[in-house]
Every structure is written in structure tokens, then in C-alpha cells.
């Protein structure tokens, strides 16, 4: 069947922006048009494709099965056109670039090692790192705004249609400031943990599910005072300034514990840990900088597997 010439570039851009934002209102704001205009453009596309691409839910809108299939092709199509336009411009002096999404599980130590090693080997390379919730980063990967996403995401629904490569498993741990009252007890009294503020990953994220699993496994009652964030910097500063307990992936606090800035609370159990890996969009061609990045990521990850 020939391509329907009535499908325009604006239809694809509108579709991808709605998928990226999971909201008609936010898509309209990002595109600087009215929400009715976004709805009209999407309706035109759905009529041309004879398929419903989105369904409404409590959080906004979500791709249907047909929408997921269409995005596998629409994202690469738009990205290829953008790259074609850039190739015709005077970019001879622009260094190569790789765009990476880093989840909080690898943001602190792992990615710093990766970027340092990359720059040792490739002196002209721009590494653009985006952070945030897994659903957001995987959405960016779906539409071609990112080349690679790294972190815990195997259980995230947004991974559907993407390729995941396991690197290593990483367990959760509890970190507190030096001199914390719980450290004086030797063996942690699990019931007393609920008396202190907790620092947790955002609700609904893959890493939060692992944290909740750890509490269930240990029979730890929840604290009524919580800070929920994916920011390692905020978590670290907050925990160092009071008696809060940070429920964190080991990578996020390993260096702090090693340097004595934080202390680890031993629970006497081993949480099985989540799968940290590389996620790519197989529908997009892998650029040379992306291949450089993945090679270094695998090399650094091998150290974590053997640790």
C-alpha cells in the first residue's frame, strides 16, 4: 500500500509531543498552540490511519497498542528528517554528540565513571545526560530524543517496544549520617526505623517498588514522615543534616559510605536487587558515539558485577 500523502509532518510532530508529554494540554503548551488544535490534529491523524492512538486515563493519556506500533516508526522518521536537515548545514566544526538518559540508580557514581572514561578516549565528544523518572526518559527514547537510557527499568511498562540489555543487579541499602542514634544499637531495631523520617524514591517508579519490597521482606512499618525524590543531591544533603534514613540503591551512596560521609545500616537480609541495564530503541540506527558509549558502559558495569 502506498503512503497516504495526506499524512503531514505536523501530524507526526503532534503525535510524538502528546506521547512525550502524556497530556494534550502539556503538548499544546510545548508546541505553542491551543489544546483544541492539538485534538483536531490528532483526530485527523487517527482518521487517516483508521486507528485510535491514545486512550485517556487518570494521569492524562496513554498510547494504545496501535499507538505504540506507530511510534516505533514515527519517532525514527522525524529524527531521520532532523538529522538530514542538520547534515546540510555547516556543522563541520561541531563535535559528535551522544544523548543519554540516566536514572537515579546510576546518576551519582556509575555515569561519572562512564563519562570520564569516554572523554579519556574521545577528546571531541559531547555527552548530554538527561535525568528524571524512568517513564519520562523511556518516553524520550521512544520518540528519538535520547540515544540510550541507563538504569533500573526492566519492570517499567514504558520499556515495551524497546531493547533492554542487562548489565548487573544492584540491591537497596539504608544510609544515615555518622553518629545517627540507630548506629549505636549494633543490630538495627526494625520497629524503630519508623520513628525517623525516610528518604524514598518517588512513588510509582521502578526503584520505589524495590524499596517497598525491602520493607515487606524485613517487616518494617512505614514512617509517616517522608521525603520522596529522585535527586541524589537533595537526598544526601537532607540525610546529612538530620536523623533521616535514606533508602537508596548502593551506587548512589557507595562513595559516601567509603569516604565516611554516610554510614550503612545493616538489616541482616539481602534484598535481591533490580536489574541495571542499557535500553535502546531498535527502530533507530545506532550512531557511532552511541556505540562508543555502550562499549564503555559495559566495561564499567563489569567492575560492578565482580564487586
C-alpha atoms as a PDB file:
ATOM      1  CA  UNK A   1       0.000   0.000   0.000  1.00  0.00           C
ATOM      2  CA  UNK A   2       1.338   3.462  -0.909  1.00  0.00           C
ATOM      3  CA  UNK A   3       1.937   6.053   1.825  1.00  0.00           C
ATOM      4  CA  UNK A   4      -1.075   8.297   2.340  1.00  0.00           C
ATOM      5  CA  UNK A   5       0.195  11.703   1.238  1.00  0.00           C
ATOM      6  CA  UNK A   6      -2.389  13.370   3.458  1.00  0.00           C
ATOM      7  CA  UNK A   7      -0.241  12.483   6.494  1.00  0.00           C
ATOM      8  CA  UNK A   8       1.822  15.603   7.132  1.00  0.00           C
ATOM      9  CA  UNK A   9       4.879  16.346   9.217  1.00  0.00           C
ATOM     10  CA  UNK A  10       2.692  18.337  11.632  1.00  0.00           C
ATOM     11  CA  UNK A  11       0.649  15.206  12.295  1.00  0.00           C
ATOM     12  CA  UNK A  12       3.782  13.304  13.326  1.00  0.00           C
ATOM     13  CA  UNK A  13       5.111  16.141  15.481  1.00  0.00           C
ATOM     14  CA  UNK A  14       1.769  16.455  17.267  1.00  0.00           C
ATOM     15  CA  UNK A  15       1.530  12.704  17.838  1.00  0.00           C
ATOM     16  CA  UNK A  16       5.064  12.497  19.243  1.00  0.00           C
ATOM     17  CA  UNK A  17       4.587  15.505  21.528  1.00  0.00           C
ATOM     18  CA  UNK A  18       1.413  14.033  23.018  1.00  0.00           C
ATOM     19  CA  UNK A  19       3.258  10.742  23.560  1.00  0.00           C
ATOM     20  CA  UNK A  20       6.169  12.591  25.161  1.00  0.00           C
ATOM     21  CA  UNK A  21       4.009  14.695  27.488  1.00  0.00           C
ATOM     22  CA  UNK A  22       1.226  12.130  28.157  1.00  0.00           C
ATOM     23  CA  UNK A  23      -1.112  15.120  28.092  1.00  0.00           C
ATOM     24  CA  UNK A  24      -2.968  17.123  25.444  1.00  0.00           C
ATOM     25  CA  UNK A  25      -2.643  20.315  27.491  1.00  0.00           C
ATOM     26  CA  UNK A  26       1.122  19.951  28.012  1.00  0.00           C
ATOM     27  CA  UNK A  27       1.615  19.012  24.355  1.00  0.00           C
ATOM     28  CA  UNK A  28      -0.282  22.145  23.306  1.00  0.00           C
ATOM     29  CA  UNK A  29       1.867  24.282  25.609  1.00  0.00           C
ATOM     30  CA  UNK A  30       5.092  22.736  24.282  1.00  0.00           C
ATOM     31  CA  UNK A  31       4.008  23.312  20.679  1.00  0.00           C
ATOM     32  CA  UNK A  32       2.708  26.851  21.410  1.00  0.00           C
ATOM     33  CA  UNK A  33      -0.749  26.062  20.012  1.00  0.00           C
ATOM     34  CA  UNK A  34      -4.216  25.679  21.549  1.00  0.00           C
ATOM     35  CA  UNK A  35      -5.405  22.397  23.027  1.00  0.00           C
ATOM     36  CA  UNK A  36      -8.305  22.195  20.533  1.00  0.00           C
ATOM     37  CA  UNK A  37      -5.739  22.480  17.727  1.00  0.00           C
ATOM     38  CA  UNK A  38      -3.810  19.534  19.156  1.00  0.00           C
ATOM     39  CA  UNK A  39      -7.000  17.480  19.496  1.00  0.00           C
ATOM     40  CA  UNK A  40      -8.013  18.326  15.920  1.00  0.00           C
ATOM     41  CA  UNK A  41      -4.597  17.368  14.507  1.00  0.00           C
ATOM     42  CA  UNK A  42      -4.602  14.061  16.355  1.00  0.00           C
ATOM     43  CA  UNK A  43      -8.154  13.326  15.210  1.00  0.00           C
ATOM     44  CA  UNK A  44      -7.085  13.923  11.601  1.00  0.00           C
ATOM     45  CA  UNK A  45      -4.171  11.509  12.001  1.00  0.00           C
ATOM     46  CA  UNK A  46      -6.309   8.824  13.656  1.00  0.00           C
ATOM     47  CA  UNK A  47      -8.856   9.095  10.841  1.00  0.00           C
ATOM     48  CA  UNK A  48      -6.133   8.784   8.209  1.00  0.00           C
ATOM     49  CA  UNK A  49      -4.636   5.763   9.975  1.00  0.00           C
ATOM     50  CA  UNK A  50      -8.048   4.345  10.862  1.00  0.00           C
ATOM     51  CA  UNK A  51      -6.733   3.576  14.344  1.00  0.00           C
ATOM     52  CA  UNK A  52      -7.062   5.010  17.832  1.00  0.00           C
ATOM     53  CA  UNK A  53      -3.628   6.084  19.032  1.00  0.00           C
ATOM     54  CA  UNK A  54      -4.307   7.259  22.618  1.00  0.00           C
ATOM     55  CA  UNK A  55      -6.682   6.473  25.445  1.00  0.00           C
ATOM     56  CA  UNK A  56      -7.416   8.675  28.425  1.00  0.00           C
ATOM     57  CA  UNK A  57      -6.520   7.621  31.996  1.00  0.00           C
ATOM     58  CA  UNK A  58      -6.291   9.233  35.416  1.00  0.00           C
ATOM     59  CA  UNK A  59      -2.803  10.551  34.733  1.00  0.00           C
ATOM     60  CA  UNK A  60      -3.575  12.014  31.306  1.00  0.00           C
ATOM     61  CA  UNK A  61      -3.352   9.958  28.139  1.00  0.00           C
ATOM     62  CA  UNK A  62      -1.506   6.762  27.234  1.00  0.00           C
ATOM     63  CA  UNK A  63      -0.624   5.103  23.948  1.00  0.00           C
ATOM     64  CA  UNK A  64      -2.837   2.307  22.732  1.00  0.00           C
ATOM     65  CA  UNK A  65      -1.285  -0.843  21.246  1.00  0.00           C
ATOM     66  CA  UNK A  66      -1.710   0.750  17.814  1.00  0.00           C
ATOM     67  CA  UNK A  67      -0.086   3.949  19.109  1.00  0.00           C
ATOM     68  CA  UNK A  68       2.939   2.015  20.356  1.00  0.00           C
ATOM     69  CA  UNK A  69       3.353   0.327  16.977  1.00  0.00           C
ATOM     70  CA  UNK A  70       3.035   3.623  15.116  1.00  0.00           C
ATOM     71  CA  UNK A  71       5.531   5.381  17.407  1.00  0.00           C
ATOM     72  CA  UNK A  72       8.213   2.807  16.555  1.00  0.00           C
ATOM     73  CA  UNK A  73       8.172   4.255  13.059  1.00  0.00           C
ATOM     74  CA  UNK A  74       7.067   7.864  13.579  1.00  0.00           C
ATOM     75  CA  UNK A  75       9.894   8.666  16.021  1.00  0.00           C
ATOM     76  CA  UNK A  76      12.713   7.402  13.770  1.00  0.00           C
ATOM     77  CA  UNK A  77      11.088   9.088  10.765  1.00  0.00           C
ATOM     78  CA  UNK A  78      11.086  12.525  12.403  1.00  0.00           C
ATOM     79  CA  UNK A  79      14.561  12.022  13.853  1.00  0.00           C
ATOM     80  CA  UNK A  80      15.952  10.967  10.461  1.00  0.00           C
ATOM     81  CA  UNK A  81      14.495  14.079   8.845  1.00  0.00           C
ATOM     82  CA  UNK A  82      16.018  16.303  11.536  1.00  0.00           C
ATOM     83  CA  UNK A  83      19.420  14.677  11.057  1.00  0.00           C
ATOM     84  CA  UNK A  84      19.098  15.102   7.304  1.00  0.00           C
ATOM     85  CA  UNK A  85      18.467  18.838   7.708  1.00  0.00           C
ATOM     86  CA  UNK A  86      21.422  19.180  10.092  1.00  0.00           C
ATOM     87  CA  UNK A  87      23.685  17.336   7.647  1.00  0.00           C
ATOM     88  CA  UNK A  88      23.056  20.027   5.033  1.00  0.00           C
ATOM     89  CA  UNK A  89      24.074  22.827   7.347  1.00  0.00           C
ATOM     90  CA  UNK A  90      27.593  23.976   8.120  1.00  0.00           C
ATOM     91  CA  UNK A  91      28.342  21.711  11.090  1.00  0.00           C
ATOM     92  CA  UNK A  92      31.871  20.690  10.134  1.00  0.00           C
ATOM     93  CA  UNK A  93      33.190  22.052  13.407  1.00  0.00           C
ATOM     94  CA  UNK A  94      30.508  20.536  15.623  1.00  0.00           C
ATOM     95  CA  UNK A  95      31.838  17.681  17.821  1.00  0.00           C
ATOM     96  CA  UNK A  96      29.954  14.365  17.838  1.00  0.00           C
ATOM     97  CA  UNK A  97      27.260  14.040  20.499  1.00  0.00           C
ATOM     98  CA  UNK A  98      25.527  11.238  22.375  1.00  0.00           C
ATOM     99  CA  UNK A  99      22.312  11.829  24.325  1.00  0.00           C
ATOM    100  CA  UNK A 100      21.916   9.667  27.425  1.00  0.00           C
ATOM    101  CA  UNK A 101      19.092   9.215  29.900  1.00  0.00           C
ATOM    102  CA  UNK A 102      20.396   8.295  33.364  1.00  0.00           C
ATOM    103  CA  UNK A 103      18.086   7.045  36.104  1.00  0.00           C
ATOM    104  CA  UNK A 104      18.884   7.889  39.717  1.00  0.00           C
ATOM    105  CA  UNK A 105      20.332   4.395  40.229  1.00  0.00           C
ATOM    106  CA  UNK A 106      23.356   5.272  38.083  1.00  0.00           C
ATOM    107  CA  UNK A 107      23.390   9.060  38.230  1.00  0.00           C
ATOM    108  CA  UNK A 108      25.870   9.533  41.076  1.00  0.00           C
ATOM    109  CA  UNK A 109      28.856   7.237  40.593  1.00  0.00           C
ATOM    110  CA  UNK A 110      28.337   4.975  37.596  1.00  0.00           C
ATOM    111  CA  UNK A 111      27.728   7.709  34.992  1.00  0.00           C
ATOM    112  CA  UNK A 112      30.620   9.805  36.310  1.00  0.00           C
ATOM    113  CA  UNK A 113      32.948   6.856  35.661  1.00  0.00           C
ATOM    114  CA  UNK A 114      31.446   6.282  32.223  1.00  0.00           C
ATOM    115  CA  UNK A 115      31.761   9.916  31.110  1.00  0.00           C
ATOM    116  CA  UNK A 116      35.327  10.207  32.460  1.00  0.00           C
ATOM    117  CA  UNK A 117      36.424   7.111  30.536  1.00  0.00           C
ATOM    118  CA  UNK A 118      34.603   8.261  27.395  1.00  0.00           C
ATOM    119  CA  UNK A 119      36.380  11.617  27.435  1.00  0.00           C
ATOM    120  CA  UNK A 120      39.736   9.941  28.002  1.00  0.00           C
ATOM    121  CA  UNK A 121      39.269   8.006  24.782  1.00  0.00           C
ATOM    122  CA  UNK A 122      37.373  10.551  22.688  1.00  0.00           C
ATOM    123  CA  UNK A 123      38.630  14.104  23.132  1.00  0.00           C
ATOM    124  CA  UNK A 124      35.974  15.637  20.855  1.00  0.00           C
ATOM    125  CA  UNK A 125      32.698  14.317  22.220  1.00  0.00           C
ATOM    126  CA  UNK A 126      29.673  15.970  23.813  1.00  0.00           C
ATOM    127  CA  UNK A 127      27.865  13.735  26.308  1.00  0.00           C
ATOM    128  CA  UNK A 128      24.412  15.139  27.027  1.00  0.00           C
ATOM    129  CA  UNK A 129      22.888  13.489  30.120  1.00  0.00           C
ATOM    130  CA  UNK A 130      19.199  13.843  30.991  1.00  0.00           C
ATOM    131  CA  UNK A 131      17.835  12.704  34.361  1.00  0.00           C
ATOM    132  CA  UNK A 132      14.346  12.066  35.682  1.00  0.00           C
ATOM    133  CA  UNK A 133      11.762   9.315  36.204  1.00  0.00           C
ATOM    134  CA  UNK A 134      12.105   6.183  34.100  1.00  0.00           C
ATOM    135  CA  UNK A 135       8.764   6.676  32.332  1.00  0.00           C
ATOM    136  CA  UNK A 136       9.840  10.127  31.141  1.00  0.00           C
ATOM    137  CA  UNK A 137      13.280   9.021  29.937  1.00  0.00           C
ATOM    138  CA  UNK A 138      11.937   5.945  28.158  1.00  0.00           C
ATOM    139  CA  UNK A 139       9.323   8.149  26.509  1.00  0.00           C
ATOM    140  CA  UNK A 140      12.140  10.358  25.221  1.00  0.00           C
ATOM    141  CA  UNK A 141      13.914   7.255  23.908  1.00  0.00           C
ATOM    142  CA  UNK A 142      10.751   6.105  22.134  1.00  0.00           C
ATOM    143  CA  UNK A 143      10.487   9.351  20.152  1.00  0.00           C
ATOM    144  CA  UNK A 144      14.187   9.621  19.331  1.00  0.00           C
ATOM    145  CA  UNK A 145      15.097  12.452  21.719  1.00  0.00           C
ATOM    146  CA  UNK A 146      17.587  10.179  23.526  1.00  0.00           C
ATOM    147  CA  UNK A 147      20.022   7.616  22.114  1.00  0.00           C
ATOM    148  CA  UNK A 148      20.338   5.425  25.223  1.00  0.00           C
ATOM    149  CA  UNK A 149      18.784   5.136  28.687  1.00  0.00           C
ATOM    150  CA  UNK A 150      20.745   3.530  31.545  1.00  0.00           C
ATOM    151  CA  UNK A 151      19.459   2.343  34.912  1.00  0.00           C
ATOM    152  CA  UNK A 152      16.859   0.128  36.569  1.00  0.00           C
ATOM    153  CA  UNK A 153      13.893  -0.077  34.213  1.00  0.00           C
ATOM    154  CA  UNK A 154      13.194  -3.721  33.357  1.00  0.00           C
ATOM    155  CA  UNK A 155       9.837  -3.568  35.208  1.00  0.00           C
ATOM    156  CA  UNK A 156       8.740  -0.237  33.702  1.00  0.00           C
ATOM    157  CA  UNK A 157       5.706  -0.512  31.364  1.00  0.00           C
ATOM    158  CA  UNK A 158       7.271   2.129  29.098  1.00  0.00           C
ATOM    159  CA  UNK A 159      10.004  -0.349  28.139  1.00  0.00           C
ATOM    160  CA  UNK A 160       7.544  -2.103  25.821  1.00  0.00           C
ATOM    161  CA  UNK A 161       8.883  -1.936  22.271  1.00  0.00           C
ATOM    162  CA  UNK A 162      12.448  -1.121  23.357  1.00  0.00           C
ATOM    163  CA  UNK A 163      15.544  -3.331  23.669  1.00  0.00           C
ATOM    164  CA  UNK A 164      16.993  -3.944  27.159  1.00  0.00           C
ATOM    165  CA  UNK A 165      20.459  -5.326  27.908  1.00  0.00           C
ATOM    166  CA  UNK A 166      21.113  -6.443  31.497  1.00  0.00           C
ATOM    167  CA  UNK A 167      24.386  -5.182  32.982  1.00  0.00           C
ATOM    168  CA  UNK A 168      24.332  -6.053  36.689  1.00  0.00           C
ATOM    169  CA  UNK A 169      21.989  -6.401  39.662  1.00  0.00           C
ATOM    170  CA  UNK A 170      22.068  -3.820  42.425  1.00  0.00           C
ATOM    171  CA  UNK A 171      20.444  -4.079  45.839  1.00  0.00           C
ATOM    172  CA  UNK A 172      18.971  -1.340  48.001  1.00  0.00           C
ATOM    173  CA  UNK A 173      20.576  -0.193  51.247  1.00  0.00           C
ATOM    174  CA  UNK A 174      19.843   2.155  54.152  1.00  0.00           C
ATOM    175  CA  UNK A 175      22.176   5.118  54.720  1.00  0.00           C
ATOM    176  CA  UNK A 176      22.314   7.565  57.643  1.00  0.00           C
ATOM    177  CA  UNK A 177      24.618  10.312  58.869  1.00  0.00           C
ATOM    178  CA  UNK A 178      27.602   9.444  61.119  1.00  0.00           C
ATOM    179  CA  UNK A 179      26.509   9.479  64.747  1.00  0.00           C
ATOM    180  CA  UNK A 180      22.907   8.540  63.964  1.00  0.00           C
ATOM    181  CA  UNK A 181      21.126   7.064  67.052  1.00  0.00           C
ATOM    182  CA  UNK A 182      20.392   3.791  65.218  1.00  0.00           C
ATOM    183  CA  UNK A 183      24.117   3.134  64.717  1.00  0.00           C
ATOM    184  CA  UNK A 184      24.670   2.832  68.476  1.00  0.00           C
ATOM    185  CA  UNK A 185      22.333  -0.172  68.675  1.00  0.00           C
ATOM    186  CA  UNK A 186      24.594  -2.521  66.740  1.00  0.00           C
ATOM    187  CA  UNK A 187      21.761  -4.595  65.314  1.00  0.00           C
ATOM    188  CA  UNK A 188      19.080  -2.422  63.782  1.00  0.00           C
ATOM    189  CA  UNK A 189      15.743  -2.464  65.582  1.00  0.00           C
ATOM    190  CA  UNK A 190      13.421  -2.560  62.559  1.00  0.00           C
ATOM    191  CA  UNK A 191      10.455  -1.244  64.534  1.00  0.00           C
ATOM    192  CA  UNK A 192      12.422   1.899  65.488  1.00  0.00           C
ATOM    193  CA  UNK A 193      13.083   2.757  61.842  1.00  0.00           C
ATOM    194  CA  UNK A 194       9.534   4.076  61.590  1.00  0.00           C
ATOM    195  CA  UNK A 195      10.338   6.716  64.232  1.00  0.00           C
ATOM    196  CA  UNK A 196      12.642   8.582  61.852  1.00  0.00           C
ATOM    197  CA  UNK A 197      11.980  10.432  58.583  1.00  0.00           C
ATOM    198  CA  UNK A 198      12.607   8.387  55.437  1.00  0.00           C
ATOM    199  CA  UNK A 199      14.024   9.461  52.107  1.00  0.00           C
ATOM    200  CA  UNK A 200      12.460   7.384  49.342  1.00  0.00           C
ATOM    201  CA  UNK A 201      12.307   7.276  45.535  1.00  0.00           C
ATOM    202  CA  UNK A 202       9.151   8.748  44.014  1.00  0.00           C
ATOM    203  CA  UNK A 203       6.019   6.618  44.271  1.00  0.00           C
ATOM    204  CA  UNK A 204       5.278   4.664  41.111  1.00  0.00           C
ATOM    205  CA  UNK A 205       8.904   4.396  39.975  1.00  0.00           C
ATOM    206  CA  UNK A 206      10.622   1.056  39.447  1.00  0.00           C
ATOM    207  CA  UNK A 207      13.182   1.757  42.165  1.00  0.00           C
ATOM    208  CA  UNK A 208      10.410   2.612  44.659  1.00  0.00           C
ATOM    209  CA  UNK A 209       8.909  -0.830  44.058  1.00  0.00           C
ATOM    210  CA  UNK A 210      12.229  -2.370  45.096  1.00  0.00           C
ATOM    211  CA  UNK A 211      12.319  -0.175  48.203  1.00  0.00           C
ATOM    212  CA  UNK A 212       8.770  -1.205  49.150  1.00  0.00           C
ATOM    213  CA  UNK A 213       9.725  -4.851  48.565  1.00  0.00           C
ATOM    214  CA  UNK A 214      12.620  -4.468  51.011  1.00  0.00           C
ATOM    215  CA  UNK A 215      10.266  -3.135  53.706  1.00  0.00           C
ATOM    216  CA  UNK A 216       7.843  -6.019  53.218  1.00  0.00           C
ATOM    217  CA  UNK A 217      10.678  -8.555  53.306  1.00  0.00           C
ATOM    218  CA  UNK A 218      12.016  -7.107  56.560  1.00  0.00           C
ATOM    219  CA  UNK A 219       8.627  -6.439  58.157  1.00  0.00           C
ATOM    220  CA  UNK A 220       9.421  -2.728  58.548  1.00  0.00           C
ATOM    221  CA  UNK A 221       6.409  -0.493  59.336  1.00  0.00           C
ATOM    222  CA  UNK A 222       6.214   2.691  57.214  1.00  0.00           C
ATOM    223  CA  UNK A 223       7.257   6.061  58.556  1.00  0.00           C
ATOM    224  CA  UNK A 224       4.647   8.829  58.452  1.00  0.00           C
ATOM    225  CA  UNK A 225       7.320  11.448  57.672  1.00  0.00           C
ATOM    226  CA  UNK A 226       8.867  11.001  54.239  1.00  0.00           C
ATOM    227  CA  UNK A 227      10.793  12.905  51.611  1.00  0.00           C
ATOM    228  CA  UNK A 228      10.143  11.429  48.168  1.00  0.00           C
ATOM    229  CA  UNK A 229      12.614  12.433  45.477  1.00  0.00           C
ATOM    230  CA  UNK A 230      14.850  11.095  42.727  1.00  0.00           C
ATOM    231  CA  UNK A 231      17.533  13.706  43.424  1.00  0.00           C
ATOM    232  CA  UNK A 232      20.679  12.184  44.993  1.00  0.00           C
ATOM    233  CA  UNK A 233      21.961  15.678  45.839  1.00  0.00           C
ATOM    234  CA  UNK A 234      18.836  16.634  47.799  1.00  0.00           C
ATOM    235  CA  UNK A 235      18.657  13.220  49.486  1.00  0.00           C
ATOM    236  CA  UNK A 236      22.316  13.378  50.523  1.00  0.00           C
ATOM    237  CA  UNK A 237      22.092  16.905  51.957  1.00  0.00           C
ATOM    238  CA  UNK A 238      18.851  16.176  53.823  1.00  0.00           C
ATOM    239  CA  UNK A 239      20.146  12.963  55.420  1.00  0.00           C
ATOM    240  CA  UNK A 240      23.418  14.581  56.462  1.00  0.00           C
ATOM    241  CA  UNK A 241      21.541  17.389  58.240  1.00  0.00           C
ATOM    242  CA  UNK A 242      19.182  15.314  60.433  1.00  0.00           C
ATOM    243  CA  UNK A 243      18.273  11.800  61.572  1.00  0.00           C
ATOM    244  CA  UNK A 244      16.538  10.748  58.342  1.00  0.00           C
ATOM    245  CA  UNK A 245      17.116   7.296  56.822  1.00  0.00           C
ATOM    246  CA  UNK A 246      17.871   7.195  53.095  1.00  0.00           C
ATOM    247  CA  UNK A 247      16.563   4.119  51.287  1.00  0.00           C
ATOM    248  CA  UNK A 248      18.877   4.155  48.277  1.00  0.00           C
ATOM    249  CA  UNK A 249      20.490   1.997  45.609  1.00  0.00           C
ATOM    250  CA  UNK A 250      24.040   1.112  46.654  1.00  0.00           C
ATOM    251  CA  UNK A 251      25.548   3.004  43.732  1.00  0.00           C
ATOM    252  CA  UNK A 252      24.018   6.251  44.982  1.00  0.00           C
ATOM    253  CA  UNK A 253      25.690   6.038  48.420  1.00  0.00           C
ATOM    254  CA  UNK A 254      28.703   3.766  47.899  1.00  0.00           C
ATOM    255  CA  UNK A 255      31.230   6.591  47.642  1.00  0.00           C
ATOM    256  CA  UNK A 256      29.723   8.497  50.608  1.00  0.00           C
ATOM    257  CA  UNK A 257      29.964   5.378  52.789  1.00  0.00           C
ATOM    258  CA  UNK A 258      33.506   4.659  51.606  1.00  0.00           C
ATOM    259  CA  UNK A 259      34.581   8.229  52.473  1.00  0.00           C
ATOM    260  CA  UNK A 260      32.765   8.248  55.828  1.00  0.00           C
ATOM    261  CA  UNK A 261      30.228  10.921  54.851  1.00  0.00           C
ATOM    262  CA  UNK A 262      27.406   8.423  55.399  1.00  0.00           C
ATOM    263  CA  UNK A 263      27.045   5.115  57.257  1.00  0.00           C
ATOM    264  CA  UNK A 264      25.193   1.985  56.201  1.00  0.00           C
ATOM    265  CA  UNK A 265      22.557   0.368  58.402  1.00  0.00           C
ATOM    266  CA  UNK A 266      22.799  -3.415  58.222  1.00  0.00           C
ATOM    267  CA  UNK A 267      19.394  -5.087  58.140  1.00  0.00           C
ATOM    268  CA  UNK A 268      20.738  -8.634  58.145  1.00  0.00           C
ATOM    269  CA  UNK A 269      18.994  -9.518  54.865  1.00  0.00           C
ATOM    270  CA  UNK A 270      19.994  -9.276  51.224  1.00  0.00           C
ATOM    271  CA  UNK A 271      17.472  -7.545  49.010  1.00  0.00           C
ATOM    272  CA  UNK A 272      17.629  -9.314  45.621  1.00  0.00           C
ATOM    273  CA  UNK A 273      18.198  -6.070  43.739  1.00  0.00           C
ATOM    274  CA  UNK A 274      16.947  -4.718  40.470  1.00  0.00           C
ATOM    275  CA  UNK A 275      18.374  -5.180  37.012  1.00  0.00           C
ATOM    276  CA  UNK A 276      20.500  -2.238  35.879  1.00  0.00           C
ATOM    277  CA  UNK A 277      20.932  -2.148  32.130  1.00  0.00           C
ATOM    278  CA  UNK A 278      21.087  -0.345  28.799  1.00  0.00           C
ATOM    279  CA  UNK A 279      17.872   0.456  26.972  1.00  0.00           C
ATOM    280  CA  UNK A 280      17.906   1.363  23.270  1.00  0.00           C
ATOM    281  CA  UNK A 281      15.373   1.925  20.526  1.00  0.00           C
ATOM    282  CA  UNK A 282      15.981  -0.789  17.927  1.00  0.00           C
ATOM    283  CA  UNK A 283      13.963   1.195  15.383  1.00  0.00           C
ATOM    284  CA  UNK A 284      16.647   3.916  15.409  1.00  0.00           C
ATOM    285  CA  UNK A 285      20.068   3.473  13.811  1.00  0.00           C
ATOM    286  CA  UNK A 286      22.841   3.375  16.395  1.00  0.00           C
ATOM    287  CA  UNK A 287      25.261   6.284  15.903  1.00  0.00           C
ATOM    288  CA  UNK A 288      28.996   5.832  16.363  1.00  0.00           C
ATOM    289  CA  UNK A 289      29.017   7.952  19.580  1.00  0.00           C
ATOM    290  CA  UNK A 290      26.215   5.737  20.927  1.00  0.00           C
ATOM    291  CA  UNK A 291      28.325   2.669  20.209  1.00  0.00           C
ATOM    292  CA  UNK A 292      31.294   4.278  21.999  1.00  0.00           C
ATOM    293  CA  UNK A 293      29.077   4.975  24.997  1.00  0.00           C
ATOM    294  CA  UNK A 294      27.610   1.464  25.191  1.00  0.00           C
ATOM    295  CA  UNK A 295      31.058  -0.113  24.956  1.00  0.00           C
ATOM    296  CA  UNK A 296      32.299   1.963  27.910  1.00  0.00           C
ATOM    297  CA  UNK A 297      29.103   1.335  29.887  1.00  0.00           C
ATOM    298  CA  UNK A 298      29.611  -2.429  29.524  1.00  0.00           C
ATOM    299  CA  UNK A 299      33.242  -2.083  30.584  1.00  0.00           C
ATOM    300  CA  UNK A 300      32.399  -0.092  33.718  1.00  0.00           C
ATOM    301  CA  UNK A 301      29.486  -2.435  34.513  1.00  0.00           C
ATOM    302  CA  UNK A 302      31.842  -5.434  34.501  1.00  0.00           C
ATOM    303  CA  UNK A 303      33.542  -3.917  37.568  1.00  0.00           C
ATOM    304  CA  UNK A 304      30.179  -3.744  39.347  1.00  0.00           C
ATOM    305  CA  UNK A 305      29.402  -7.376  38.557  1.00  0.00           C
ATOM    306  CA  UNK A 306      32.687  -8.520  40.051  1.00  0.00           C
ATOM    307  CA  UNK A 307      32.456  -6.251  43.111  1.00  0.00           C
END
